[in-house]
Amino acid sequence: MLIFLFFAAFACVPALADEVYVQKGKTGIPEIDTLTVNEWDVPTEHNSLLLTMLFSVFPGGGQYYTEHYIRGGFITGIEALLVYEVFFNKSWQRDRIYEQVRPFQDSVAYFSRMIATEQNRDSIRYYQEQRQDYVNRVRSLSDKKMEQEDLRKAETAWLYGLHLYGMFDAFGIWYNNHYRSVEQRSMLTALLLSVIPGLGQMYNGEFGKAGLLYMSIIGASTSIWTSQNMVEYYLWRKHFMEQEVVEPEDFDKIVERVTYYRKNRNQYIWALALLYLYSMGDAVVDALLSDFDNPIHLALFPRLEGGVQALFTLDF
């Protein structure tokens, strides 16, 4: 419901400025003023905002409704793969680990009982070695399950982010069909608005870019959180291994996993920072080039002395 109200609010903004944007940037020559621009956002007769947003609840639905079938196909295909991976493949992998770990848990319980009842020291030592071997196998599968759960949470976040992008992109198609402007926008305004991620892109009418930005922020932020969870998990494992008699190779593996997930976490932090800076630069550049398709930049005007005069403007 909040998403619909959000898009409805932005739908009202261009209507208030319609008088300004529609009248500006025209040459007065119908043949030039009616030139087609922005071929990526092809015009469509399906111009209902309500239906566009309702269909966008389904993966790629808003794009199909507005006749942007290739864009809709990409969104549907990628979302379908993520849904399969998150809700089916990861569940199957989790159940498989449970099946594998169950006999090892039974063996640990069996040798624990034998150690408790055995009187012979040599037998106790043997049972302890066997028990420790099965304990290590249980821990190894537990580590694998934790890593898969970490990946599942990150993939779920990217799935939700992709769906949000699809809704933003569908709204952007509707917006461009109604309020597309080739007027020069203020670079300073775009820069100031982009301090809040996505507002600079929406100021420029690039709602699809805003959706991509939010998808990346959601995915990267969740990946930072899940990677940090794995760092804490393996630090906890390392702490307990330091108090036990373990093989050096097993201890080194845990240290490697801590280093790996710390590196992952830091990479996503840097990616998030660079993404924020890029979004600000992108908003400024889009504002600078906002009138690139303005047909007044290249026009033919009649001369009173006779003949025609070519006018070409290039702004920096």
Protein backbone atom coordinates (compact mmCIF):
# COMPACT_ATOMS: atom_id res chain seq x y z
CA MET A 1 0.00 0.00 0.00
CA LEU A 2 2.85 2.38 0.87
CA ILE A 3 4.52 1.68 -2.47
CA PHE A 4 1.34 2.61 -4.36
CA LEU A 5 1.04 5.85 -2.38
CA PHE A 6 4.70 6.58 -3.11
CA PHE A 7 4.27 6.25 -6.86
CA ALA A 8 0.97 8.14 -6.80
CA ALA A 9 2.70 11.06 -5.09
CA PHE A 10 5.33 11.23 -7.81
CA ALA A 11 2.61 10.99 -10.43
CA CYS A 12 1.11 14.22 -9.12
CA VAL A 13 4.37 16.19 -9.17
CA PRO A 14 4.85 16.36 -12.95
CA ALA A 15 1.20 17.29 -13.42
CA LEU A 16 1.80 20.49 -11.47
CA ALA A 17 4.82 21.35 -13.63
CA ASP A 18 3.18 20.24 -16.87
CA GLU A 19 2.62 23.83 -17.99
CA VAL A 20 6.33 24.58 -17.68
CA TYR A 21 7.79 21.48 -19.32
CA VAL A 22 5.38 21.13 -22.21
CA GLN A 23 5.67 24.69 -23.45
CA LYS A 24 9.44 25.03 -23.21
CA GLY A 25 12.04 23.65 -25.60
CA LYS A 26 9.84 23.94 -28.71
CA THR A 27 10.94 25.45 -32.00
CA GLY A 28 7.47 26.28 -33.19
CA ILE A 29 8.01 23.99 -36.17
CA PRO A 30 5.62 21.01 -35.89
CA GLU A 31 7.87 18.73 -37.96
CA ILE A 32 10.68 19.24 -35.46
CA ASP A 33 8.65 19.45 -32.27
CA THR A 34 7.02 16.08 -32.99
CA LEU A 35 10.28 14.19 -33.58
CA THR A 36 10.47 10.92 -31.63
CA VAL A 37 13.00 10.84 -28.84
CA ASN A 38 14.04 8.22 -26.27
CA GLU A 39 13.39 5.14 -28.39
CA TRP A 40 14.13 2.89 -25.38
CA ASP A 41 10.87 4.03 -23.79
CA VAL A 42 8.67 3.28 -26.78
CA PRO A 43 5.20 4.89 -26.69
CA THR A 44 2.27 2.66 -25.79
CA GLU A 45 -1.49 2.99 -25.70
CA HIS A 46 -1.59 1.29 -22.30
CA ASN A 47 -1.24 4.42 -20.19
CA SER A 48 -3.15 3.66 -17.01
CA LEU A 49 -1.02 4.27 -13.92
CA LEU A 50 -3.28 2.07 -11.77
CA LEU A 51 -3.06 -0.90 -14.15
CA THR A 52 0.69 -0.40 -14.66
CA MET A 53 1.35 -0.62 -10.92
CA LEU A 54 -1.13 -3.44 -10.36
CA PHE A 55 0.47 -5.56 -13.08
CA SER A 56 3.94 -4.73 -11.75
CA VAL A 57 3.09 -6.69 -8.60
CA PHE A 58 3.86 -9.73 -10.77
CA PRO A 59 7.46 -10.11 -12.04
CA GLY A 60 7.73 -8.14 -15.26
CA GLY A 61 3.96 -7.58 -15.38
CA GLY A 62 4.17 -3.80 -15.62
CA GLN A 63 6.58 -4.09 -18.54
CA TYR A 64 4.31 -6.57 -20.36
CA TYR A 65 1.30 -4.30 -19.84
CA THR A 66 3.15 -1.32 -21.32
CA GLU A 67 4.40 -3.45 -24.24
CA HIS A 68 8.05 -3.54 -23.19
CA TYR A 69 8.31 -7.29 -23.59
CA ILE A 70 12.11 -7.69 -23.66
CA ARG A 71 12.54 -5.78 -20.39
CA GLY A 72 9.70 -7.74 -18.83
CA GLY A 73 11.21 -11.01 -20.03
CA PHE A 74 14.55 -10.27 -18.39
CA ILE A 75 12.89 -9.42 -15.08
CA THR A 76 10.62 -12.48 -15.16
CA GLY A 77 13.47 -14.81 -16.05
CA ILE A 78 15.90 -13.57 -13.40
CA GLU A 79 13.22 -13.48 -10.69
CA ALA A 80 12.13 -17.02 -11.59
CA LEU A 81 15.72 -18.27 -11.23
CA LEU A 82 16.11 -16.53 -7.86
CA VAL A 83 12.77 -17.91 -6.62
CA TYR A 84 13.86 -21.43 -7.57
CA GLU A 85 17.26 -20.96 -5.91
CA VAL A 86 15.93 -19.43 -2.68
CA PHE A 87 12.75 -21.42 -2.06
CA PHE A 88 13.47 -24.77 -3.70
CA ASN A 89 17.15 -25.47 -4.26
CA LYS A 90 18.31 -24.08 -0.90
CA SER A 91 15.55 -26.01 0.90
CA TRP A 92 16.64 -29.21 -0.84
CA GLN A 93 20.28 -28.57 0.14
CA ARG A 94 19.27 -27.97 3.77
CA ASP A 95 17.25 -31.20 3.93
CA ARG A 96 20.14 -33.10 2.37
CA ILE A 97 22.52 -31.82 5.08
CA TYR A 98 20.04 -32.92 7.76
CA GLU A 99 19.99 -36.41 6.25
CA GLN A 100 23.78 -36.54 6.13
CA VAL A 101 24.33 -35.28 9.67
CA ARG A 102 21.78 -37.55 11.39
CA PRO A 103 23.90 -40.77 11.38
CA PHE A 104 26.94 -38.80 12.58
CA GLN A 105 24.91 -37.42 15.50
CA ASP A 106 23.79 -40.95 16.35
CA SER A 107 27.42 -42.10 16.30
CA VAL A 108 28.45 -39.27 18.63
CA ALA A 109 25.69 -40.27 21.06
CA TYR A 110 26.71 -43.94 20.84
CA PHE A 111 30.40 -43.34 21.60
CA SER A 112 29.46 -40.91 24.38
CA ARG A 113 27.52 -43.72 26.07
CA MET A 114 30.41 -46.13 25.58
CA ILE A 115 32.86 -43.69 27.19
CA ALA A 116 30.53 -43.24 30.17
CA THR A 117 30.22 -46.98 30.82
CA GLU A 118 33.67 -48.30 29.80
CA GLN A 119 36.30 -49.03 32.46
CA ASN A 120 39.28 -49.92 30.27
CA ARG A 121 41.49 -46.87 29.58
CA ASP A 122 42.64 -48.06 26.18
CA SER A 123 39.04 -48.57 25.10
CA ILE A 124 38.06 -45.16 26.43
CA ARG A 125 40.87 -43.55 24.42
CA TYR A 126 39.69 -45.34 21.29
CA TYR A 127 36.07 -44.32 21.88
CA GLN A 128 37.13 -40.72 22.44
CA GLU A 129 39.01 -40.67 19.14
CA GLN A 130 36.03 -42.10 17.31
CA ARG A 131 33.66 -39.69 19.00
CA GLN A 132 35.87 -36.70 18.13
CA ASP A 133 36.00 -37.80 14.48
CA TYR A 134 32.20 -37.84 14.26
CA VAL A 135 31.96 -34.55 16.17
CA ASN A 136 34.23 -32.94 13.56
CA ARG A 137 32.00 -34.28 10.78
CA VAL A 138 28.91 -32.84 12.46
CA ARG A 139 30.62 -29.47 12.86
CA SER A 140 31.74 -29.49 9.23
CA LEU A 141 28.18 -30.05 8.03
CA SER A 142 26.94 -27.42 10.50
CA ASP A 143 29.40 -24.93 8.99
CA LYS A 144 28.13 -25.81 5.51
CA LYS A 145 24.52 -25.28 6.61
CA MET A 146 25.37 -21.87 8.11
CA GLU A 147 27.10 -20.78 4.90
CA GLN A 148 24.14 -21.87 2.79
CA GLU A 149 21.77 -19.98 5.08
CA ASP A 150 23.97 -16.88 4.73
CA LEU A 151 23.79 -17.17 0.94
CA ARG A 152 20.02 -17.77 1.01
CA LYS A 153 19.40 -14.55 2.96
CA ALA A 154 21.55 -12.54 0.56
CA GLU A 155 19.81 -14.03 -2.50
CA THR A 156 16.41 -13.29 -0.94
CA ALA A 157 17.39 -9.64 -0.52
CA TRP A 158 18.49 -9.42 -4.16
CA LEU A 159 15.20 -11.04 -5.18
CA TYR A 160 13.15 -8.42 -3.31
CA GLY A 161 15.39 -5.67 -4.67
CA LEU A 162 14.90 -6.90 -8.24
CA HIS A 163 11.14 -6.92 -7.77
CA LEU A 164 11.28 -3.36 -6.44
CA TYR A 165 13.31 -2.37 -9.50
CA GLY A 166 10.62 -3.86 -11.75
CA MET A 167 7.98 -1.68 -10.08
CA PHE A 168 10.13 1.46 -10.36
CA ASP A 169 10.91 0.70 -14.00
CA ALA A 170 7.21 0.18 -14.82
CA PHE A 171 6.37 3.50 -13.19
CA GLY A 172 9.18 5.11 -15.17
CA ILE A 173 7.68 3.83 -18.42
CA TRP A 174 4.32 5.37 -17.51
CA TYR A 175 6.01 8.62 -16.46
CA ASN A 176 7.98 8.92 -19.71
CA ASN A 177 4.83 8.36 -21.75
CA HIS A 178 3.14 11.31 -20.04
CA TYR A 179 5.69 13.81 -18.75
CA ARG A 180 8.93 13.22 -20.64
CA SER A 181 10.82 16.51 -20.90
CA VAL A 182 13.84 17.54 -22.97
CA GLU A 183 14.42 20.69 -20.93
CA GLN A 184 17.73 21.40 -19.20
CA ARG A 185 17.55 20.46 -15.53
CA SER A 186 19.56 22.02 -12.75
CA MET A 187 22.77 20.11 -11.99
CA LEU A 188 22.95 21.71 -8.52
CA THR A 189 19.43 20.56 -7.67
CA ALA A 190 20.23 17.06 -8.92
CA LEU A 191 23.39 16.98 -6.79
CA LEU A 192 21.62 18.17 -3.64
CA LEU A 193 18.74 15.74 -4.06
CA SER A 194 21.11 12.83 -4.71
CA VAL A 195 22.42 13.18 -1.15
CA ILE A 196 19.36 11.01 -0.42
CA PRO A 197 19.95 7.97 -2.68
CA GLY A 198 17.58 7.81 -5.63
CA LEU A 199 16.08 11.29 -5.40
CA GLY A 200 18.51 12.70 -7.96
CA GLN A 201 17.54 9.99 -10.44
CA MET A 202 13.83 10.58 -9.82
CA TYR A 203 14.33 14.33 -10.29
CA ASN A 204 15.73 13.53 -13.74
CA GLY A 205 12.81 11.22 -14.50
CA GLU A 206 15.08 8.14 -14.43
CA PHE A 207 12.92 5.96 -12.19
CA GLY A 208 14.41 2.75 -13.57
CA LYS A 209 17.87 3.90 -12.46
CA ALA A 210 16.48 4.72 -9.02
CA GLY A 211 15.08 1.19 -8.85
CA LEU A 212 18.46 -0.30 -9.79
CA LEU A 213 20.08 1.84 -7.11
CA TYR A 214 17.66 0.66 -4.43
CA MET A 215 18.07 -2.96 -5.54
CA SER A 216 21.85 -2.65 -5.18
CA ILE A 217 21.59 -0.95 -1.80
CA ILE A 218 19.23 -3.62 -0.44
CA GLY A 219 21.37 -6.47 -1.79
CA ALA A 220 24.71 -5.04 -0.70
CA SER A 221 23.46 -4.04 2.77
CA THR A 222 22.04 -7.50 3.39
CA SER A 223 25.26 -9.12 2.16
CA ILE A 224 27.23 -6.98 4.63
CA TRP A 225 24.95 -8.13 7.45
CA THR A 226 25.08 -11.83 6.54
CA SER A 227 28.85 -11.76 6.04
CA GLN A 228 29.28 -10.17 9.47
CA ASN A 229 27.10 -12.91 10.96
CA MET A 230 29.41 -15.52 9.44
CA VAL A 231 32.49 -13.71 10.78
CA GLU A 232 31.01 -13.83 14.29
CA TYR A 233 30.04 -17.50 13.88
CA TYR A 234 33.53 -18.59 12.85
CA LEU A 235 35.14 -16.43 15.55
CA TRP A 236 32.94 -18.29 18.04
CA ARG A 237 34.10 -21.60 16.52
CA LYS A 238 37.72 -20.44 16.69
CA HIS A 239 37.35 -19.48 20.36
CA PHE A 240 36.15 -22.96 21.31
CA MET A 241 38.76 -24.72 19.18
CA GLU A 242 41.48 -22.82 21.02
CA GLN A 243 40.32 -24.54 24.20
CA GLU A 244 40.28 -28.01 22.65
CA VAL A 245 42.90 -30.38 21.30
CA VAL A 246 42.41 -30.13 17.54
CA GLU A 247 44.47 -30.72 14.44
CA PRO A 248 46.35 -27.63 13.20
CA GLU A 249 44.78 -28.04 9.74
CA ASP A 250 41.26 -27.86 11.21
CA PHE A 251 42.13 -24.72 13.15
CA ASP A 252 43.68 -23.10 10.04
CA LYS A 253 40.50 -23.81 8.06
CA ILE A 254 38.45 -21.86 10.60
CA VAL A 255 40.91 -18.96 10.48
CA GLU A 256 40.64 -18.97 6.68
CA ARG A 257 36.85 -18.80 6.84
CA VAL A 258 37.04 -15.81 9.20
CA THR A 259 39.39 -14.04 6.78
CA TYR A 260 37.20 -14.94 3.78
CA TYR A 261 34.00 -13.53 5.24
CA ARG A 262 35.74 -10.43 6.57
CA LYS A 263 37.01 -9.80 3.05
CA ASN A 264 33.50 -10.34 1.66
CA ARG A 265 32.02 -7.92 4.17
CA ASN A 266 34.61 -5.23 3.46
CA GLN A 267 34.15 -5.58 -0.31
CA TYR A 268 30.42 -4.97 0.02
CA ILE A 269 31.05 -1.97 2.27
CA TRP A 270 33.35 -0.44 -0.35
CA ALA A 271 30.87 -1.31 -3.11
CA LEU A 272 28.10 0.45 -1.19
CA ALA A 273 30.22 3.58 -0.71
CA LEU A 274 31.24 3.67 -4.38
CA LEU A 275 27.63 3.07 -5.43
CA TYR A 276 26.53 6.09 -3.38
CA LEU A 277 29.17 8.32 -5.00
CA TYR A 278 28.34 6.98 -8.45
CA SER A 279 24.63 7.71 -7.94
CA MET A 280 25.47 11.35 -7.21
CA GLY A 281 27.66 11.64 -10.30
CA ASP A 282 25.04 9.90 -12.43
CA ALA A 283 22.35 12.35 -11.29
CA VAL A 284 24.54 15.33 -12.16
CA VAL A 285 25.47 13.94 -15.60
CA ASP A 286 21.84 13.11 -16.40
CA ALA A 287 20.84 16.66 -15.47
CA LEU A 288 23.61 18.03 -17.69
CA LEU A 289 22.45 15.92 -20.65
CA SER A 290 18.73 16.24 -19.92
CA ASP A 291 18.16 18.40 -22.99
CA PHE A 292 20.36 16.30 -25.28
CA ASP A 293 17.34 15.15 -27.31
CA ASN A 294 15.89 18.64 -27.59
CA PRO A 295 15.15 19.14 -31.32
CA ILE A 296 15.93 22.86 -31.03
CA HIS A 297 19.62 21.94 -30.93
CA LEU A 298 19.51 21.21 -34.65
CA ALA A 299 16.98 23.12 -36.68
CA LEU A 300 16.52 24.84 -40.04
CA PHE A 301 15.13 28.39 -40.03
CA PRO A 302 14.12 30.49 -43.03
CA ARG A 303 16.19 33.61 -43.76
CA LEU A 304 14.52 36.87 -44.74
CA GLU A 305 17.31 37.46 -47.28
CA GLY A 306 16.45 34.18 -48.95
CA GLY A 307 17.47 30.57 -48.46
CA VAL A 308 17.68 28.76 -45.16
CA GLN A 309 19.84 29.04 -42.07
CA ALA A 310 21.11 26.03 -40.10
CA LEU A 311 21.29 26.43 -36.34
CA PHE A 312 23.22 24.00 -34.19
CA THR A 313 23.82 24.45 -30.48
CA LEU A 314 26.09 22.40 -28.24
CA ASP A 315 25.95 23.10 -24.53
CA PHE A 316 28.55 22.17 -21.91
